[in-house]
C-alpha atoms as a PDB file:
ATOM      1  CA  MET A   1      39.151 -34.594  -9.515  1.00  0.00           C
ATOM      2  CA  THR A   2      42.063 -32.441  -8.430  1.00  0.00           C
ATOM      3  CA  ASN A   3      41.265 -32.537  -4.707  1.00  0.00           C
ATOM      4  CA  PRO A   4      39.359 -35.564  -3.332  1.00  0.00           C
ATOM      5  CA  VAL A   5      38.549 -33.982   0.061  1.00  0.00           C
ATOM      6  CA  TYR A   6      34.868 -33.297   0.720  1.00  0.00           C
ATOM      7  CA  LEU A   7      34.256 -31.252   3.853  1.00  0.00           C
ATOM      8  CA  ALA A   8      31.417 -32.568   6.035  1.00  0.00           C
ATOM      9  CA  LEU A   9      29.328 -29.532   6.995  1.00  0.00           C
ATOM     10  CA  ASP A  10      26.794 -30.695   9.568  1.00  0.00           C
ATOM     11  CA  LEU A  11      26.589 -27.324  11.299  1.00  0.00           C
ATOM     12  CA  PRO A  12      23.391 -26.004  12.920  1.00  0.00           C
ATOM     13  CA  ARG A  13      23.412 -22.677  11.043  1.00  0.00           C
ATOM     14  CA  VAL A  14      23.568 -22.155   7.294  1.00  0.00           C
ATOM     15  CA  ASP A  15      25.516 -18.916   7.574  1.00  0.00           C
ATOM     16  CA  ALA A  16      28.191 -20.565   9.715  1.00  0.00           C
ATOM     17  CA  ALA A  17      28.406 -23.516   7.313  1.00  0.00           C
ATOM     18  CA  ARG A  18      28.785 -21.242   4.315  1.00  0.00           C
ATOM     19  CA  ALA A  19      31.374 -19.071   6.074  1.00  0.00           C
ATOM     20  CA  LEU A  20      33.469 -22.140   6.859  1.00  0.00           C
ATOM     21  CA  ALA A  21      33.134 -23.462   3.318  1.00  0.00           C
ATOM     22  CA  GLU A  22      34.178 -20.106   1.856  1.00  0.00           C
ATOM     23  CA  LYS A  23      37.192 -20.001   4.164  1.00  0.00           C
ATOM     24  CA  VAL A  24      38.614 -23.380   3.153  1.00  0.00           C
ATOM     25  CA  LYS A  25      37.263 -23.837  -0.400  1.00  0.00           C
ATOM     26  CA  GLY A  26      40.687 -23.389  -1.952  1.00  0.00           C
ATOM     27  CA  HIS A  27      41.931 -26.533  -0.191  1.00  0.00           C
ATOM     28  CA  ILE A  28      38.983 -28.929  -0.593  1.00  0.00           C
ATOM     29  CA  GLY A  29      37.196 -30.471  -3.556  1.00  0.00           C
ATOM     30  CA  GLY A  30      33.560 -30.504  -2.443  1.00  0.00           C
ATOM     31  CA  LEU A  31      31.010 -30.192   0.349  1.00  0.00           C
ATOM     32  CA  LYS A  32      29.191 -33.049   2.079  1.00  0.00           C
ATOM     33  CA  LEU A  33      25.785 -32.195   3.512  1.00  0.00           C
ATOM     34  CA  GLY A  34      24.311 -34.896   5.703  1.00  0.00           C
ATOM     35  CA  LEU A  35      20.971 -35.796   7.199  1.00  0.00           C
ATOM     36  CA  GLU A  36      21.298 -33.367  10.108  1.00  0.00           C
ATOM     37  CA  PHE A  37      21.929 -30.419   7.780  1.00  0.00           C
ATOM     38  CA  PHE A  38      19.218 -31.428   5.306  1.00  0.00           C
ATOM     39  CA  CYS A  39      16.555 -31.938   7.979  1.00  0.00           C
ATOM     40  CA  ALA A  40      17.354 -28.556   9.492  1.00  0.00           C
ATOM     41  CA  HIS A  41      17.715 -26.501   6.318  1.00  0.00           C
ATOM     42  CA  GLY A  42      16.217 -28.473   3.420  1.00  0.00           C
ATOM     43  CA  HIS A  43      16.501 -27.349  -0.181  1.00  0.00           C
ATOM     44  CA  HIS A  44      17.188 -23.760   0.851  1.00  0.00           C
ATOM     45  CA  GLY A  45      20.300 -24.783   2.764  1.00  0.00           C
ATOM     46  CA  VAL A  46      21.616 -26.833  -0.135  1.00  0.00           C
ATOM     47  CA  HIS A  47      21.050 -23.970  -2.583  1.00  0.00           C
ATOM     48  CA  GLU A  48      22.871 -21.615  -0.214  1.00  0.00           C
ATOM     49  CA  LEU A  49      25.914 -23.879   0.064  1.00  0.00           C
ATOM     50  CA  ALA A  50      25.933 -24.463  -3.690  1.00  0.00           C
ATOM     51  CA  GLN A  51      26.758 -20.754  -4.048  1.00  0.00           C
ATOM     52  CA  VAL A  52      30.249 -21.576  -2.744  1.00  0.00           C
ATOM     53  CA  GLY A  53      30.898 -23.097  -6.155  1.00  0.00           C
ATOM     54  CA  LEU A  54      31.951 -26.611  -5.129  1.00  0.00           C
ATOM     55  CA  PRO A  55      30.272 -29.968  -5.920  1.00  0.00           C
ATOM     56  CA  ILE A  56      27.617 -31.011  -3.390  1.00  0.00           C
ATOM     57  CA  PHE A  57      27.482 -34.499  -1.883  1.00  0.00           C
ATOM     58  CA  LEU A  58      24.080 -35.185  -0.307  1.00  0.00           C
ATOM     59  CA  ASP A  59      24.731 -37.900   2.254  1.00  0.00           C
ATOM     60  CA  LEU A  60      21.071 -38.733   2.936  1.00  0.00           C
ATOM     61  CA  LYS A  61      21.470 -42.533   3.138  1.00  0.00           C
ATOM     62  CA  PHE A  62      18.074 -43.355   1.636  1.00  0.00           C
ATOM     63  CA  HIS A  63      16.726 -46.678   2.922  1.00  0.00           C
ATOM     64  CA  ASP A  64      13.090 -47.580   2.266  1.00  0.00           C
ATOM     65  CA  ILE A  65      10.966 -49.521  -0.188  1.00  0.00           C
ATOM     66  CA  PRO A  66      12.097 -49.070  -3.805  1.00  0.00           C
ATOM     67  CA  ASN A  67       9.213 -46.824  -4.846  1.00  0.00           C
ATOM     68  CA  THR A  68       9.730 -44.453  -1.914  1.00  0.00           C
ATOM     69  CA  VAL A  69      13.471 -44.181  -2.496  1.00  0.00           C
ATOM     70  CA  ALA A  70      12.914 -43.519  -6.204  1.00  0.00           C
ATOM     71  CA  GLY A  71      10.467 -40.746  -5.333  1.00  0.00           C
ATOM     72  CA  ALA A  72      12.914 -39.209  -2.872  1.00  0.00           C
ATOM     73  CA  MET A  73      15.664 -39.320  -5.468  1.00  0.00           C
ATOM     74  CA  GLN A  74      13.439 -37.549  -7.985  1.00  0.00           C
ATOM     75  CA  ALA A  75      12.574 -34.903  -5.380  1.00  0.00           C
ATOM     76  CA  ILE A  76      16.215 -33.816  -5.127  1.00  0.00           C
ATOM     77  CA  HIS A  77      16.835 -33.551  -8.889  1.00  0.00           C
ATOM     78  CA  VAL A  78      16.499 -29.782  -8.665  1.00  0.00           C
ATOM     79  CA  LEU A  79      19.452 -29.643  -6.255  1.00  0.00           C
ATOM     80  CA  GLU A  80      21.756 -31.249  -8.853  1.00  0.00           C
ATOM     81  CA  PRO A  81      23.915 -33.127  -6.318  1.00  0.00           C
ATOM     82  CA  ALA A  82      27.172 -34.625  -7.537  1.00  0.00           C
ATOM     83  CA  ILE A  83      26.807 -37.616  -5.183  1.00  0.00           C
ATOM     84  CA  VAL A  84      23.898 -39.149  -3.231  1.00  0.00           C
ATOM     85  CA  THR A  85      23.977 -42.090  -0.833  1.00  0.00           C
ATOM     86  CA  VAL A  86      21.586 -44.971  -0.273  1.00  0.00           C
ATOM     87  CA  HIS A  87      21.967 -47.920   2.109  1.00  0.00           C
ATOM     88  CA  ALA A  88      23.156 -51.108   0.403  1.00  0.00           C
ATOM     89  CA  SER A  89      21.205 -53.087   2.986  1.00  0.00           C
ATOM     90  CA  GLY A  90      18.026 -51.785   1.327  1.00  0.00           C
ATOM     91  CA  GLY A  91      18.530 -54.489  -1.288  1.00  0.00           C
ATOM     92  CA  ARG A  92      19.155 -54.789  -4.988  1.00  0.00           C
ATOM     93  CA  ALA A  93      15.720 -53.624  -6.178  1.00  0.00           C
ATOM     94  CA  MET A  94      15.899 -50.492  -4.065  1.00  0.00           C
ATOM     95  CA  MET A  95      19.356 -49.649  -5.359  1.00  0.00           C
ATOM     96  CA  GLU A  96      18.337 -50.271  -8.974  1.00  0.00           C
ATOM     97  CA  ASP A  97      15.351 -47.950  -8.635  1.00  0.00           C
ATOM     98  CA  ALA A  98      17.454 -45.307  -6.882  1.00  0.00           C
ATOM     99  CA  LYS A  99      19.954 -45.276  -9.733  1.00  0.00           C
ATOM    100  CA  ALA A 100      17.221 -45.200 -12.367  1.00  0.00           C
ATOM    101  CA  ALA A 101      15.582 -42.217 -10.671  1.00  0.00           C
ATOM    102  CA  ALA A 102      18.770 -40.223 -10.093  1.00  0.00           C
ATOM    103  CA  GLY A 103      19.802 -37.243 -12.169  1.00  0.00           C
ATOM    104  CA  GLU A 104      22.007 -37.885 -15.179  1.00  0.00           C
ATOM    105  CA  ASN A 105      25.053 -36.276 -13.563  1.00  0.00           C
ATOM    106  CA  THR A 106      24.524 -37.677 -10.064  1.00  0.00           C
ATOM    107  CA  LYS A 107      26.613 -40.561  -8.792  1.00  0.00           C
ATOM    108  CA  VAL A 108      24.629 -42.936  -6.558  1.00  0.00           C
ATOM    109  CA  VAL A 109      26.788 -44.750  -4.021  1.00  0.00           C
ATOM    110  CA  ALA A 110      25.747 -47.325  -1.454  1.00  0.00           C
ATOM    111  CA  VAL A 111      26.679 -47.201   2.199  1.00  0.00           C
ATOM    112  CA  THR A 112      28.046 -50.622   3.107  1.00  0.00           C
ATOM    113  CA  MET A 113      28.769 -50.402   6.830  1.00  0.00           C
ATOM    114  CA  LEU A 114      28.911 -47.305   8.989  1.00  0.00           C
ATOM    115  CA  THR A 115      32.403 -46.495  10.249  1.00  0.00           C
ATOM    116  CA  SER A 116      30.972 -46.151  13.763  1.00  0.00           C
ATOM    117  CA  LEU A 117      30.236 -49.910  13.792  1.00  0.00           C
ATOM    118  CA  ASP A 118      32.460 -52.910  14.419  1.00  0.00           C
ATOM    119  CA  GLU A 119      32.058 -56.708  14.526  1.00  0.00           C
ATOM    120  CA  ARG A 120      30.379 -56.635  17.924  1.00  0.00           C
ATOM    121  CA  ASP A 121      27.749 -54.250  16.582  1.00  0.00           C
ATOM    122  CA  LEU A 122      27.208 -56.515  13.581  1.00  0.00           C
ATOM    123  CA  GLU A 123      26.713 -59.534  15.814  1.00  0.00           C
ATOM    124  CA  ARG A 124      24.112 -57.680  17.865  1.00  0.00           C
ATOM    125  CA  THR A 125      22.107 -56.995  14.708  1.00  0.00           C
ATOM    126  CA  GLY A 126      22.217 -60.620  13.622  1.00  0.00           C
ATOM    127  CA  VAL A 127      24.971 -60.357  11.006  1.00  0.00           C
ATOM    128  CA  SER A 128      27.653 -63.030  11.224  1.00  0.00           C
ATOM    129  CA  GLY A 129      31.228 -62.706  10.052  1.00  0.00           C
ATOM    130  CA  SER A 130      33.674 -59.834  10.036  1.00  0.00           C
ATOM    131  CA  ALA A 131      33.118 -56.215   9.110  1.00  0.00           C
ATOM    132  CA  HIS A 132      35.402 -56.810   6.136  1.00  0.00           C
ATOM    133  CA  ASP A 133      33.237 -59.666   4.848  1.00  0.00           C
ATOM    134  CA  GLN A 134      30.032 -57.664   5.288  1.00  0.00           C
ATOM    135  CA  VAL A 135      31.430 -54.716   3.346  1.00  0.00           C
ATOM    136  CA  LEU A 136      32.523 -56.953   0.477  1.00  0.00           C
ATOM    137  CA  ARG A 137      29.123 -58.662   0.325  1.00  0.00           C
ATOM    138  CA  LEU A 138      27.290 -55.352   0.134  1.00  0.00           C
ATOM    139  CA  ALA A 139      29.777 -53.846  -2.322  1.00  0.00           C
ATOM    140  CA  ASP A 140      29.249 -56.809  -4.662  1.00  0.00           C
ATOM    141  CA  LEU A 141      25.476 -56.309  -4.367  1.00  0.00           C
ATOM    142  CA  ALA A 142      25.794 -52.595  -5.167  1.00  0.00           C
ATOM    143  CA  GLN A 143      27.910 -53.360  -8.208  1.00  0.00           C
ATOM    144  CA  ASP A 144      25.363 -55.927  -9.422  1.00  0.00           C
ATOM    145  CA  ALA A 145      22.616 -53.310  -8.950  1.00  0.00           C
ATOM    146  CA  GLY A 146      24.383 -50.920 -11.303  1.00  0.00           C
ATOM    147  CA  LEU A 147      25.367 -48.266  -8.803  1.00  0.00           C
ATOM    148  CA  ASP A 148      28.374 -46.026  -9.314  1.00  0.00           C
ATOM    149  CA  GLY A 149      30.197 -47.127  -6.177  1.00  0.00           C
ATOM    150  CA  VAL A 150      30.061 -47.526  -2.424  1.00  0.00           C
ATOM    151  CA  VAL A 151      30.880 -45.888   0.856  1.00  0.00           C
ATOM    152  CA  CYS A 152      33.253 -47.924   2.994  1.00  0.00           C
ATOM    153  CA  SER A 153      36.003 -47.407   5.527  1.00  0.00           C
ATOM    154  CA  GLY A 154      39.662 -47.084   4.647  1.00  0.00           C
ATOM    155  CA  HIS A 155      40.186 -50.596   5.979  1.00  0.00           C
ATOM    156  CA  GLU A 156      38.118 -52.132   3.174  1.00  0.00           C
ATOM    157  CA  VAL A 157      38.498 -49.748   0.246  1.00  0.00           C
ATOM    158  CA  GLY A 158      41.624 -51.438  -1.085  1.00  0.00           C
ATOM    159  CA  GLU A 159      39.985 -54.835  -1.373  1.00  0.00           C
ATOM    160  CA  VAL A 160      36.766 -53.366  -2.797  1.00  0.00           C
ATOM    161  CA  HIS A 161      38.809 -51.485  -5.390  1.00  0.00           C
ATOM    162  CA  LYS A 162      40.486 -54.734  -6.492  1.00  0.00           C
ATOM    163  CA  ARG A 163      37.066 -56.317  -7.092  1.00  0.00           C
ATOM    164  CA  TRP A 164      35.501 -53.259  -8.713  1.00  0.00           C
ATOM    165  CA  LYS A 165      38.127 -51.538 -10.838  1.00  0.00           C
ATOM    166  CA  GLN A 166      35.834 -48.851 -12.245  1.00  0.00           C
ATOM    167  CA  GLY A 167      33.989 -48.151  -8.996  1.00  0.00           C
ATOM    168  CA  PHE A 168      33.670 -44.787  -7.261  1.00  0.00           C
ATOM    169  CA  PHE A 169      34.654 -45.094  -3.613  1.00  0.00           C
ATOM    170  CA  VAL A 170      33.769 -42.702  -0.803  1.00  0.00           C
ATOM    171  CA  VAL A 171      35.711 -43.105   2.438  1.00  0.00           C
ATOM    172  CA  PRO A 172      34.479 -41.364   5.620  1.00  0.00           C
ATOM    173  CA  GLY A 173      35.742 -41.595   9.191  1.00  0.00           C
ATOM    174  CA  LEU A 174      39.186 -40.301   8.266  1.00  0.00           C
ATOM    175  CA  ARG A 175      41.552 -38.806  10.795  1.00  0.00           C
ATOM    176  CA  PRO A 176      44.911 -37.150  10.103  1.00  0.00           C
ATOM    177  CA  ALA A 177      47.803 -38.632  12.073  1.00  0.00           C
ATOM    178  CA  GLY A 178      47.551 -37.568  15.703  1.00  0.00           C
ATOM    179  CA  SER A 179      43.870 -36.534  15.568  1.00  0.00           C
ATOM    180  CA  ALA A 180      41.248 -37.669  18.076  1.00  0.00           C
ATOM    181  CA  VAL A 181      39.226 -40.657  16.832  1.00  0.00           C
ATOM    182  CA  GLY A 182      35.953 -39.559  18.510  1.00  0.00           C
ATOM    183  CA  ASP A 183      32.991 -41.869  17.794  1.00  0.00           C
ATOM    184  CA  GLN A 184      34.670 -43.587  14.856  1.00  0.00           C
ATOM    185  CA  LYS A 185      35.945 -47.155  15.228  1.00  0.00           C
ATOM    186  CA  ARG A 186      37.575 -48.059  11.894  1.00  0.00           C
ATOM    187  CA  VAL A 187      39.701 -45.093  10.876  1.00  0.00           C
ATOM    188  CA  VAL A 188      42.741 -44.486   8.669  1.00  0.00           C
ATOM    189  CA  THR A 189      44.563 -41.362   7.530  1.00  0.00           C
ATOM    190  CA  PRO A 190      43.409 -39.496   4.396  1.00  0.00           C
ATOM    191  CA  ARG A 191      46.629 -40.405   2.597  1.00  0.00           C
ATOM    192  CA  ALA A 192      46.281 -44.108   3.374  1.00  0.00           C
ATOM    193  CA  ALA A 193      42.705 -44.128   2.075  1.00  0.00           C
ATOM    194  CA  ARG A 194      43.685 -42.295  -1.101  1.00  0.00           C
ATOM    195  CA  ASP A 195      46.562 -44.687  -1.752  1.00  0.00           C
ATOM    196  CA  ALA A 196      44.193 -47.646  -1.307  1.00  0.00           C
ATOM    197  CA  GLY A 197      41.847 -46.396  -4.014  1.00  0.00           C
ATOM    198  CA  ALA A 198      39.462 -43.884  -2.449  1.00  0.00           C
ATOM    199  CA  SER A 199      37.823 -41.491  -4.914  1.00  0.00           C
ATOM    200  CA  VAL A 200      36.424 -39.136  -2.267  1.00  0.00           C
ATOM    201  CA  LEU A 201      37.755 -38.480   1.226  1.00  0.00           C
ATOM    202  CA  VAL A 202      35.108 -37.233   3.656  1.00  0.00           C
ATOM    203  CA  ILE A 203      36.591 -35.145   6.454  1.00  0.00           C
ATOM    204  CA  GLY A 204      34.607 -33.190   9.012  1.00  0.00           C
ATOM    205  CA  ARG A 205      35.702 -32.460  12.542  1.00  0.00           C
ATOM    206  CA  PRO A 206      39.482 -32.428  11.879  1.00  0.00           C
ATOM    207  CA  ILE A 207      38.756 -29.318   9.797  1.00  0.00           C
ATOM    208  CA  SER A 208      35.489 -27.886  11.115  1.00  0.00           C
ATOM    209  CA  LYS A 209      36.481 -28.155  14.798  1.00  0.00           C
ATOM    210  CA  ALA A 210      40.103 -27.125  14.339  1.00  0.00           C
ATOM    211  CA  ASP A 211      41.330 -23.933  15.966  1.00  0.00           C
ATOM    212  CA  ASP A 212      42.387 -22.838  12.481  1.00  0.00           C
ATOM    213  CA  PRO A 213      40.214 -24.634   9.877  1.00  0.00           C
ATOM    214  CA  LEU A 214      42.113 -23.110   6.962  1.00  0.00           C
ATOM    215  CA  ALA A 215      45.462 -24.336   8.266  1.00  0.00           C
ATOM    216  CA  ALA A 216      43.952 -27.763   8.988  1.00  0.00           C
ATOM    217  CA  ALA A 217      42.514 -28.071   5.467  1.00  0.00           C
ATOM    218  CA  ARG A 218      45.787 -26.941   3.936  1.00  0.00           C
ATOM    219  CA  ALA A 219      47.765 -29.441   6.028  1.00  0.00           C
ATOM    220  CA  ILE A 220      45.528 -32.309   4.942  1.00  0.00           C
ATOM    221  CA  GLU A 221      45.770 -31.291   1.298  1.00  0.00           C
ATOM    222  CA  GLU A 222      49.559 -31.255   1.541  1.00  0.00           C
ATOM    223  CA  THR A 223      49.575 -34.917   2.663  1.00  0.00           C
ATOM    224  CA  LEU A 224      47.800 -35.941  -0.541  1.00  0.00           C
END
C-alpha cells in the first residue's frame, strides 16, 4: 500500500461524497464508508463511490449472532469491499463465521474498542481494567478466530503489533497536530500511528471539513 490514508466519507449526499473523493484521490489510498452512509445510500452508494477507483472499506461493525453476521457478510460480496469490520465483542464464533463468509479478497478486521470511549465508559458497561488491557484481550481473541486484524486506537496499535506481527491494523480517531479533537478521546497523529505499526489510517473531518480538503489531504500525506 503506497498511501495508508482512508478518507471517511460519511456525508449525507452521494454526489457530494463522490465529488470530495475525486478531489483528493491523488493524496489518499482508499475510501471508508460507514454505517451512516450505508444506511442512507445502500449498495447504490457504494457502487457510485467505487467509480472513483480506490479501494472501499465498509465500516459496518457487524455484531449479531454468528449466522446473521455470516448472512450479512455474504450479502455484501457483490460490493467487493477491500475491508469490512465486525465487533470483536461479538465473540469468537461470530468472528470465525464472518471470516468464513467473507469474499476471498476482503480483509475482515475486528473493532476492539471505539476511540470515543475511555476507562470510565468501560466501567459503566461492566468491563474492568484499562482500555489498553481491553484492546489487547479482544485483539488476542480476533487473532485466535482467524481474522486478518483489528481496529484499535493509536495508543494501543504498537503493543498489538508486537503480539501479532502479521496482523492488519486499522487506526481511526486520528488528528493531525493542532487539529480539534472533537468527540474522540484517545487520539494520536497519523504519523505516530503509522510509525507504531498501523496498516490503515482512517481520517475524516480533518480532511472533509477543512476549508481546503485537497490541501489538508496533501499536508497529511507529506507527514507520512
